[in-house]
């Protein structure tokens, strides 16, 4: 039998926190989503990923360069996974 996800009831703390966050965005006029900074961050992360891959495949010729390229590629992949996908999951 498959398990069904259940959520705890919203506490007074959660309601108060949500109200304060709503008030913050209302009074400051800042947008919650679709910020230019987020698009810039995403572009930088994908450029880092593509640059690392291109370096590793086409330019790394020695062991040290391969290690540095692989490390950079791995960190870039983790950065895309954590930042870009995390933001997208939250609807940011």
PDB file of N, CA and C in Angstrom:
ATOM      1  N   UNK A   1       0.847  -1.172   0.000  1.00  0.00           N
ATOM      2  CA  UNK A   1       0.000   0.000   0.000  1.00  0.00           C
ATOM      3  C   UNK A   1       0.898   1.243   0.000  1.00  0.00           C
ATOM      4  N   UNK A   2       0.752   2.131  -0.974  1.00  0.00           N
ATOM      5  CA  UNK A   2       1.619   3.304  -1.022  1.00  0.00           C
ATOM      6  C   UNK A   2       1.314   4.275   0.114  1.00  0.00           C
ATOM      7  N   UNK A   3       2.354   4.887   0.596  1.00  0.00           N
ATOM      8  CA  UNK A   3       2.147   5.854   1.667  1.00  0.00           C
ATOM      9  C   UNK A   3       1.696   7.188   1.066  1.00  0.00           C
ATOM     10  N   UNK A   4       0.932   7.910   1.818  1.00  0.00           N
ATOM     11  CA  UNK A   4       0.403   9.191   1.379  1.00  0.00           C
ATOM     12  C   UNK A   4       1.088  10.268   2.203  1.00  0.00           C
ATOM     13  N   UNK A   5       1.562  11.300   1.520  1.00  0.00           N
ATOM     14  CA  UNK A   5       2.214  12.392   2.230  1.00  0.00           C
ATOM     15  C   UNK A   5       1.193  13.144   3.063  1.00  0.00           C
ATOM     16  N   UNK A   6       1.533  13.368   4.302  1.00  0.00           N
ATOM     17  CA  UNK A   6       0.676  14.168   5.175  1.00  0.00           C
ATOM     18  C   UNK A   6       1.498  15.320   5.717  1.00  0.00           C
ATOM     19  N   UNK A   7       0.833  16.402   5.985  1.00  0.00           N
ATOM     20  CA  UNK A   7       1.516  17.590   6.473  1.00  0.00           C
ATOM     21  C   UNK A   7       0.945  17.959   7.830  1.00  0.00           C
ATOM     22  N   UNK A   8       1.804  18.497   8.653  1.00  0.00           N
ATOM     23  CA  UNK A   8       1.354  18.950   9.964  1.00  0.00           C
ATOM     24  C   UNK A   8       0.485  20.186   9.788  1.00  0.00           C
ATOM     25  N   UNK A   9      -0.398  20.399  10.715  1.00  0.00           N
ATOM     26  CA  UNK A   9      -1.238  21.595  10.640  1.00  0.00           C
ATOM     27  C   UNK A   9      -0.356  22.829  10.813  1.00  0.00           C
ATOM     28  N   UNK A  10      -0.799  23.917  10.252  1.00  0.00           N
ATOM     29  CA  UNK A  10      -0.022  25.154  10.347  1.00  0.00           C
ATOM     30  C   UNK A  10      -0.096  25.690  11.769  1.00  0.00           C
ATOM     31  N   UNK A  11       1.041  26.003  12.303  1.00  0.00           N
ATOM     32  CA  UNK A  11       1.112  26.507  13.668  1.00  0.00           C
ATOM     33  C   UNK A  11       0.923  28.016  13.684  1.00  0.00           C
ATOM     34  N   UNK A  12       0.731  28.548  14.864  1.00  0.00           N
ATOM     35  CA  UNK A  12       0.625  30.002  15.016  1.00  0.00           C
ATOM     36  C   UNK A  12       1.908  30.676  14.538  1.00  0.00           C
ATOM     37  N   UNK A  13       3.040  30.033  14.823  1.00  0.00           N
ATOM     38  CA  UNK A  13       4.321  30.586  14.374  1.00  0.00           C
ATOM     39  C   UNK A  13       4.362  30.696  12.852  1.00  0.00           C
ATOM     40  N   UNK A  14       3.937  29.655  12.140  1.00  0.00           N
ATOM     41  CA  UNK A  14       3.971  29.664  10.675  1.00  0.00           C
ATOM     42  C   UNK A  14       3.053  30.744  10.122  1.00  0.00           C
ATOM     43  N   UNK A  15       1.876  30.900  10.711  1.00  0.00           N
ATOM     44  CA  UNK A  15       0.958  31.946  10.250  1.00  0.00           C
ATOM     45  C   UNK A  15       1.526  33.331  10.502  1.00  0.00           C
ATOM     46  N   UNK A  16       2.129  33.537  11.671  1.00  0.00           N
ATOM     47  CA  UNK A  16       2.720  34.833  11.997  1.00  0.00           C
ATOM     48  C   UNK A  16       3.904  35.135  11.084  1.00  0.00           C
ATOM     49  N   UNK A  17       4.733  34.148  10.832  1.00  0.00           N
ATOM     50  CA  UNK A  17       5.880  34.337   9.951  1.00  0.00           C
ATOM     51  C   UNK A  17       5.430  34.704   8.541  1.00  0.00           C
ATOM     52  N   UNK A  18       4.431  34.004   8.029  1.00  0.00           N
ATOM     53  CA  UNK A  18       3.923  34.304   6.691  1.00  0.00           C
ATOM     54  C   UNK A  18       3.343  35.718   6.629  1.00  0.00           C
ATOM     55  N   UNK A  19       2.656  36.133   7.663  1.00  0.00           N
ATOM     56  CA  UNK A  19       2.092  37.481   7.697  1.00  0.00           C
ATOM     57  C   UNK A  19       3.193  38.534   7.700  1.00  0.00           C
ATOM     58  N   UNK A  20       4.262  38.291   8.450  1.00  0.00           N
ATOM     59  CA  UNK A  20       5.369  39.251   8.502  1.00  0.00           C
ATOM     60  C   UNK A  20       6.118  39.312   7.178  1.00  0.00           C
ATOM     61  N   UNK A  21       6.275  38.180   6.517  1.00  0.00           N
ATOM     62  CA  UNK A  21       6.922  38.162   5.203  1.00  0.00           C
ATOM     63  C   UNK A  21       6.061  38.912   4.194  1.00  0.00           C
ATOM     64  N   UNK A  22       4.750  38.672   4.210  1.00  0.00           N
ATOM     65  CA  UNK A  22       3.845  39.399   3.318  1.00  0.00           C
ATOM     66  C   UNK A  22       3.942  40.902   3.560  1.00  0.00           C
ATOM     67  N   UNK A  23       3.974  41.295   4.823  1.00  0.00           N
ATOM     68  CA  UNK A  23       4.079  42.721   5.166  1.00  0.00           C
ATOM     69  C   UNK A  23       5.398  43.307   4.677  1.00  0.00           C
ATOM     70  N   UNK A  24       6.482  42.558   4.806  1.00  0.00           N
ATOM     71  CA  UNK A  24       7.787  43.032   4.336  1.00  0.00           C
ATOM     72  C   UNK A  24       7.739  43.337   2.842  1.00  0.00           C
ATOM     73  N   UNK A  25       7.231  42.416   2.055  1.00  0.00           N
ATOM     74  CA  UNK A  25       7.186  42.635   0.610  1.00  0.00           C
ATOM     75  C   UNK A  25       6.203  43.743   0.242  1.00  0.00           C
ATOM     76  N   UNK A  26       5.119  43.882   1.003  1.00  0.00           N
ATOM     77  CA  UNK A  26       4.162  44.935   0.724  1.00  0.00           C
ATOM     78  C   UNK A  26       4.760  46.312   1.007  1.00  0.00           C
ATOM     79  N   UNK A  27       5.474  46.445   2.117  1.00  0.00           N
ATOM     80  CA  UNK A  27       6.013  47.758   2.491  1.00  0.00           C
ATOM     81  C   UNK A  27       7.257  48.139   1.710  1.00  0.00           C
ATOM     82  N   UNK A  28       8.072  47.174   1.318  1.00  0.00           N
ATOM     83  CA  UNK A  28       9.296  47.499   0.583  1.00  0.00           C
ATOM     84  C   UNK A  28       9.062  47.610  -0.918  1.00  0.00           C
ATOM     85  N   UNK A  29       7.988  47.011  -1.408  1.00  0.00           N
ATOM     86  CA  UNK A  29       7.720  47.043  -2.838  1.00  0.00           C
ATOM     87  C   UNK A  29       8.575  46.083  -3.647  1.00  0.00           C
ATOM     88  N   UNK A  30       9.356  45.258  -2.978  1.00  0.00           N
ATOM     89  CA  UNK A  30      10.185  44.281  -3.687  1.00  0.00           C
ATOM     90  C   UNK A  30       9.309  43.148  -4.219  1.00  0.00           C
ATOM     91  N   UNK A  31       9.760  42.580  -5.325  1.00  0.00           N
ATOM     92  CA  UNK A  31       9.051  41.443  -5.902  1.00  0.00           C
ATOM     93  C   UNK A  31       9.508  40.156  -5.232  1.00  0.00           C
ATOM     94  N   UNK A  32       8.624  39.201  -5.148  1.00  0.00           N
ATOM     95  CA  UNK A  32       8.958  37.899  -4.573  1.00  0.00           C
ATOM     96  C   UNK A  32       9.661  37.005  -5.583  1.00  0.00           C
ATOM     97  N   UNK A  33       9.322  37.166  -6.860  1.00  0.00           N
ATOM     98  CA  UNK A  33       9.829  36.265  -7.899  1.00  0.00           C
ATOM     99  C   UNK A  33      10.268  37.078  -9.097  1.00  0.00           C
ATOM    100  N   UNK A  34      10.930  36.373 -10.021  1.00  0.00           N
ATOM    101  CA  UNK A  34      11.312  36.957 -11.305  1.00  0.00           C
ATOM    102  C   UNK A  34      12.269  38.143 -11.138  1.00  0.00           C
ATOM    103  N   UNK A  35      13.266  37.964 -10.297  1.00  0.00           N
ATOM    104  CA  UNK A  35      14.246  39.022 -10.071  1.00  0.00           C
ATOM    105  C   UNK A  35      15.384  38.920 -11.087  1.00  0.00           C
ATOM    106  N   UNK A  36      15.853  40.049 -11.608  1.00  0.00           N
ATOM    107  CA  UNK A  36      16.964  40.022 -12.565  1.00  0.00           C
ATOM    108  C   UNK A  36      18.224  39.365 -11.996  1.00  0.00           C
ATOM    109  N   UNK A  37      18.456  39.532 -10.700  1.00  0.00           N
ATOM    110  CA  UNK A  37      19.635  38.939 -10.074  1.00  0.00           C
ATOM    111  C   UNK A  37      19.602  37.407 -10.174  1.00  0.00           C
ATOM    112  N   UNK A  38      18.412  36.840 -10.108  1.00  0.00           N
ATOM    113  CA  UNK A  38      18.303  35.390 -10.198  1.00  0.00           C
ATOM    114  C   UNK A  38      18.636  34.901 -11.606  1.00  0.00           C
ATOM    115  N   UNK A  39      18.205  35.657 -12.617  1.00  0.00           N
ATOM    116  CA  UNK A  39      18.556  35.295 -13.987  1.00  0.00           C
ATOM    117  C   UNK A  39      20.060  35.417 -14.205  1.00  0.00           C
ATOM    118  N   UNK A  40      20.677  36.441 -13.629  1.00  0.00           N
ATOM    119  CA  UNK A  40      22.129  36.607 -13.737  1.00  0.00           C
ATOM    120  C   UNK A  40      22.851  35.442 -13.065  1.00  0.00           C
ATOM    121  N   UNK A  41      22.400  35.074 -11.878  1.00  0.00           N
ATOM    122  CA  UNK A  41      23.011  33.942 -11.163  1.00  0.00           C
ATOM    123  C   UNK A  41      22.898  32.666 -11.988  1.00  0.00           C
ATOM    124  N   UNK A  42      21.734  32.445 -12.590  1.00  0.00           N
ATOM    125  CA  UNK A  42      21.531  31.258 -13.409  1.00  0.00           C
ATOM    126  C   UNK A  42      22.459  31.260 -14.614  1.00  0.00           C
ATOM    127  N   UNK A  43      22.593  32.402 -15.272  1.00  0.00           N
ATOM    128  CA  UNK A  43      23.480  32.511 -16.433  1.00  0.00           C
ATOM    129  C   UNK A  43      24.933  32.249 -16.041  1.00  0.00           C
ATOM    130  N   UNK A  44      25.346  32.775 -14.905  1.00  0.00           N
ATOM    131  CA  UNK A  44      26.720  32.559 -14.434  1.00  0.00           C
ATOM    132  C   UNK A  44      26.957  31.083 -14.130  1.00  0.00           C
ATOM    133  N   UNK A  45      25.988  30.442 -13.477  1.00  0.00           N
ATOM    134  CA  UNK A  45      26.143  29.032 -13.138  1.00  0.00           C
ATOM    135  C   UNK A  45      26.259  28.169 -14.394  1.00  0.00           C
ATOM    136  N   UNK A  46      25.415  28.430 -15.406  1.00  0.00           N
ATOM    137  CA  UNK A  46      25.476  27.641 -16.637  1.00  0.00           C
ATOM    138  C   UNK A  46      26.734  27.954 -17.437  1.00  0.00           C
ATOM    139  N   UNK A  47      27.204  29.206 -17.404  1.00  0.00           N
ATOM    140  CA  UNK A  47      28.452  29.556 -18.088  1.00  0.00           C
ATOM    141  C   UNK A  47      29.628  28.831 -17.429  1.00  0.00           C
ATOM    142  N   UNK A  48      29.631  28.769 -16.104  1.00  0.00           N
ATOM    143  CA  UNK A  48      30.677  28.050 -15.377  1.00  0.00           C
ATOM    144  C   UNK A  48      30.639  26.566 -15.750  1.00  0.00           C
ATOM    145  N   UNK A  49      29.451  25.991 -15.807  1.00  0.00           N
ATOM    146  CA  UNK A  49      29.312  24.585 -16.181  1.00  0.00           C
ATOM    147  C   UNK A  49      29.824  24.342 -17.601  1.00  0.00           C
ATOM    148  N   UNK A  50      29.391  25.165 -18.551  1.00  0.00           N
ATOM    149  CA  UNK A  50      29.818  24.994 -19.943  1.00  0.00           C
ATOM    150  C   UNK A  50      31.312  25.239 -20.090  1.00  0.00           C
ATOM    151  N   UNK A  51      31.827  26.266 -19.436  1.00  0.00           N
ATOM    152  CA  UNK A  51      33.256  26.567 -19.507  1.00  0.00           C
ATOM    153  C   UNK A  51      34.111  25.442 -18.942  1.00  0.00           C
ATOM    154  N   UNK A  52      33.680  24.879 -17.834  1.00  0.00           N
ATOM    155  CA  UNK A  52      34.416  23.762 -17.235  1.00  0.00           C
ATOM    156  C   UNK A  52      34.422  22.555 -18.154  1.00  0.00           C
ATOM    157  N   UNK A  53      33.286  22.258 -18.762  1.00  0.00           N
ATOM    158  CA  UNK A  53      33.190  21.121 -19.668  1.00  0.00           C
ATOM    159  C   UNK A  53      34.080  21.333 -20.893  1.00  0.00           C
ATOM    160  N   UNK A  54      33.992  22.519 -21.489  1.00  0.00           N
ATOM    161  CA  UNK A  54      34.805  22.819 -22.673  1.00  0.00           C
ATOM    162  C   UNK A  54      36.286  22.740 -22.339  1.00  0.00           C
ATOM    163  N   UNK A  55      36.686  23.295 -21.195  1.00  0.00           N
ATOM    164  CA  UNK A  55      38.089  23.214 -20.788  1.00  0.00           C
ATOM    165  C   UNK A  55      38.523  21.773 -20.623  1.00  0.00           C
ATOM    166  N   UNK A  56      37.715  20.991 -19.934  1.00  0.00           N
ATOM    167  CA  UNK A  56      38.088  19.604 -19.654  1.00  0.00           C
ATOM    168  C   UNK A  56      38.183  18.775 -20.929  1.00  0.00           C
ATOM    169  N   UNK A  57      37.269  18.955 -21.853  1.00  0.00           N
ATOM    170  CA  UNK A  57      37.229  18.128 -23.060  1.00  0.00           C
ATOM    171  C   UNK A  57      38.251  18.586 -24.103  1.00  0.00           C
ATOM    172  N   UNK A  58      38.383  19.885 -24.289  1.00  0.00           N
ATOM    173  CA  UNK A  58      39.171  20.382 -25.415  1.00  0.00           C
ATOM    174  C   UNK A  58      40.544  20.942 -25.059  1.00  0.00           C
ATOM    175  N   UNK A  59      40.773  21.350 -23.828  1.00  0.00           N
ATOM    176  CA  UNK A  59      42.016  22.041 -23.508  1.00  0.00           C
ATOM    177  C   UNK A  59      42.890  21.346 -22.466  1.00  0.00           C
ATOM    178  N   UNK A  60      42.318  20.559 -21.586  1.00  0.00           N
ATOM    179  CA  UNK A  60      43.115  19.893 -20.557  1.00  0.00           C
ATOM    180  C   UNK A  60      43.971  18.810 -21.206  1.00  0.00           C
ATOM    181  N   UNK A  61      45.290  18.945 -21.034  1.00  0.00           N
ATOM    182  CA  UNK A  61      46.182  17.981 -21.681  1.00  0.00           C
ATOM    183  C   UNK A  61      47.030  17.191 -20.692  1.00  0.00           C
ATOM    184  N   UNK A  62      47.067  17.600 -19.471  1.00  0.00           N
ATOM    185  CA  UNK A  62      47.863  16.884 -18.478  1.00  0.00           C
ATOM    186  C   UNK A  62      47.004  16.427 -17.314  1.00  0.00           C
ATOM    187  N   UNK A  63      47.614  15.672 -16.440  1.00  0.00           N
ATOM    188  CA  UNK A  63      46.903  15.140 -15.287  1.00  0.00           C
ATOM    189  C   UNK A  63      46.386  16.257 -14.379  1.00  0.00           C
ATOM    190  N   UNK A  64      47.233  17.226 -14.072  1.00  0.00           N
ATOM    191  CA  UNK A  64      46.827  18.313 -13.182  1.00  0.00           C
ATOM    192  C   UNK A  64      45.687  19.117 -13.796  1.00  0.00           C
ATOM    193  N   UNK A  65      45.783  19.421 -15.081  1.00  0.00           N
ATOM    194  CA  UNK A  65      44.707  20.158 -15.743  1.00  0.00           C
ATOM    195  C   UNK A  65      43.417  19.340 -15.753  1.00  0.00           C
ATOM    196  N   UNK A  66      43.529  18.042 -15.937  1.00  0.00           N
ATOM    197  CA  UNK A  66      42.353  17.176 -15.905  1.00  0.00           C
ATOM    198  C   UNK A  66      41.694  17.157 -14.540  1.00  0.00           C
ATOM    199  N   UNK A  67      42.511  17.101 -13.500  1.00  0.00           N
ATOM    200  CA  UNK A  67      41.973  17.096 -12.141  1.00  0.00           C
ATOM    201  C   UNK A  67      41.285  18.421 -11.836  1.00  0.00           C
ATOM    202  N   UNK A  68      41.938  19.523 -12.188  1.00  0.00           N
ATOM    203  CA  UNK A  68      41.346  20.840 -11.944  1.00  0.00           C
ATOM    204  C   UNK A  68      40.056  20.996 -12.746  1.00  0.00           C
ATOM    205  N   UNK A  69      40.065  20.578 -14.004  1.00  0.00           N
ATOM    206  CA  UNK A  69      38.867  20.663 -14.834  1.00  0.00           C
ATOM    207  C   UNK A  69      37.736  19.806 -14.304  1.00  0.00           C
ATOM    208  N   UNK A  70      38.051  18.600 -13.870  1.00  0.00           N
ATOM    209  CA  UNK A  70      37.028  17.702 -13.331  1.00  0.00           C
ATOM    210  C   UNK A  70      36.459  18.246 -12.023  1.00  0.00           C
ATOM    211  N   UNK A  71      37.318  18.798 -11.187  1.00  0.00           N
ATOM    212  CA  UNK A  71      36.862  19.394  -9.937  1.00  0.00           C
ATOM    213  C   UNK A  71      35.947  20.585 -10.211  1.00  0.00           C
ATOM    214  N   UNK A  72      36.358  21.434 -11.141  1.00  0.00           N
ATOM    215  CA  UNK A  72      35.533  22.584 -11.497  1.00  0.00           C
ATOM    216  C   UNK A  72      34.190  22.149 -12.086  1.00  0.00           C
ATOM    217  N   UNK A  73      34.212  21.150 -12.943  1.00  0.00           N
ATOM    218  CA  UNK A  73      32.974  20.649 -13.543  1.00  0.00           C
ATOM    219  C   UNK A  73      32.047  20.069 -12.472  1.00  0.00           C
ATOM    220  N   UNK A  74      32.604  19.319 -11.556  1.00  0.00           N
ATOM    221  CA  UNK A  74      31.791  18.750 -10.479  1.00  0.00           C
ATOM    222  C   UNK A  74      31.166  19.816  -9.594  1.00  0.00           C
ATOM    223  N   UNK A  75      31.955  20.831  -9.253  1.00  0.00           N
ATOM    224  CA  UNK A  75      31.417  21.920  -8.436  1.00  0.00           C
ATOM    225  C   UNK A  75      30.356  22.711  -9.193  1.00  0.00           C
ATOM    226  N   UNK A  76      30.577  22.912 -10.493  1.00  0.00           N
ATOM    227  CA  UNK A  76      29.588  23.632 -11.300  1.00  0.00           C
ATOM    228  C   UNK A  76      28.289  22.836 -11.390  1.00  0.00           C
ATOM    229  N   UNK A  77      28.391  21.531 -11.554  1.00  0.00           N
ATOM    230  CA  UNK A  77      27.184  20.695 -11.606  1.00  0.00           C
ATOM    231  C   UNK A  77      26.436  20.757 -10.271  1.00  0.00           C
ATOM    232  N   UNK A  78      27.171  20.706  -9.188  1.00  0.00           N
ATOM    233  CA  UNK A  78      26.543  20.817  -7.870  1.00  0.00           C
ATOM    234  C   UNK A  78      25.907  22.192  -7.700  1.00  0.00           C
ATOM    235  N   UNK A  79      26.569  23.230  -8.192  1.00  0.00           N
ATOM    236  CA  UNK A  79      26.019  24.580  -8.106  1.00  0.00           C
ATOM    237  C   UNK A  79      24.728  24.724  -8.883  1.00  0.00           C
ATOM    238  N   UNK A  80      24.694  24.162 -10.080  1.00  0.00           N
ATOM    239  CA  UNK A  80      23.460  24.201 -10.874  1.00  0.00           C
ATOM    240  C   UNK A  80      22.363  23.422 -10.144  1.00  0.00           C
ATOM    241  N   UNK A  81      22.696  22.253  -9.669  1.00  0.00           N
ATOM    242  CA  UNK A  81      21.704  21.440  -8.971  1.00  0.00           C
ATOM    243  C   UNK A  81      21.171  22.102  -7.723  1.00  0.00           C
ATOM    244  N   UNK A  82      22.051  22.699  -6.965  1.00  0.00           N
ATOM    245  CA  UNK A  82      21.600  23.299  -5.715  1.00  0.00           C
ATOM    246  C   UNK A  82      20.914  24.638  -5.951  1.00  0.00           C
ATOM    247  N   UNK A  83      21.520  25.512  -6.734  1.00  0.00           N
ATOM    248  CA  UNK A  83      20.979  26.859  -6.889  1.00  0.00           C
ATOM    249  C   UNK A  83      19.831  26.945  -7.882  1.00  0.00           C
ATOM    250  N   UNK A  84      20.078  26.551  -9.109  1.00  0.00           N
ATOM    251  CA  UNK A  84      19.087  26.736 -10.166  1.00  0.00           C
ATOM    252  C   UNK A  84      17.879  25.836  -9.935  1.00  0.00           C
ATOM    253  N   UNK A  85      18.107  24.561  -9.712  1.00  0.00           N
ATOM    254  CA  UNK A  85      16.978  23.654  -9.510  1.00  0.00           C
ATOM    255  C   UNK A  85      16.251  23.941  -8.199  1.00  0.00           C
ATOM    256  N   UNK A  86      16.975  24.345  -7.193  1.00  0.00           N
ATOM    257  CA  UNK A  86      16.347  24.682  -5.915  1.00  0.00           C
ATOM    258  C   UNK A  86      15.446  25.898  -6.071  1.00  0.00           C
ATOM    259  N   UNK A  87      15.935  26.922  -6.757  1.00  0.00           N
ATOM    260  CA  UNK A  87      15.111  28.122  -6.996  1.00  0.00           C
ATOM    261  C   UNK A  87      13.880  27.765  -7.822  1.00  0.00           C
ATOM    262  N   UNK A  88      14.071  26.950  -8.852  1.00  0.00           N
ATOM    263  CA  UNK A  88      12.942  26.548  -9.675  1.00  0.00           C
ATOM    264  C   UNK A  88      11.919  25.736  -8.908  1.00  0.00           C
ATOM    265  N   UNK A  89      12.387  24.891  -8.024  1.00  0.00           N
ATOM    266  CA  UNK A  89      11.476  24.075  -7.219  1.00  0.00           C
ATOM    267  C   UNK A  89      10.602  24.939  -6.323  1.00  0.00           C
ATOM    268  N   UNK A  90      11.161  26.040  -5.857  1.00  0.00           N
ATOM    269  CA  UNK A  90      10.389  26.949  -5.002  1.00  0.00           C
ATOM    270  C   UNK A  90       9.586  27.958  -5.797  1.00  0.00           C
ATOM    271  N   UNK A  91       9.624  27.843  -7.124  1.00  0.00           N
ATOM    272  CA  UNK A  91       8.847  28.752  -7.955  1.00  0.00           C
ATOM    273  C   UNK A  91       9.407  30.150  -8.004  1.00  0.00           C
ATOM    274  N   UNK A  92      10.684  30.272  -7.700  1.00  0.00           N
ATOM    275  CA  UNK A  92      11.288  31.602  -7.681  1.00  0.00           C
ATOM    276  C   UNK A  92      11.540  32.093  -9.074  1.00  0.00           C
TER     277      UNK A  92
END
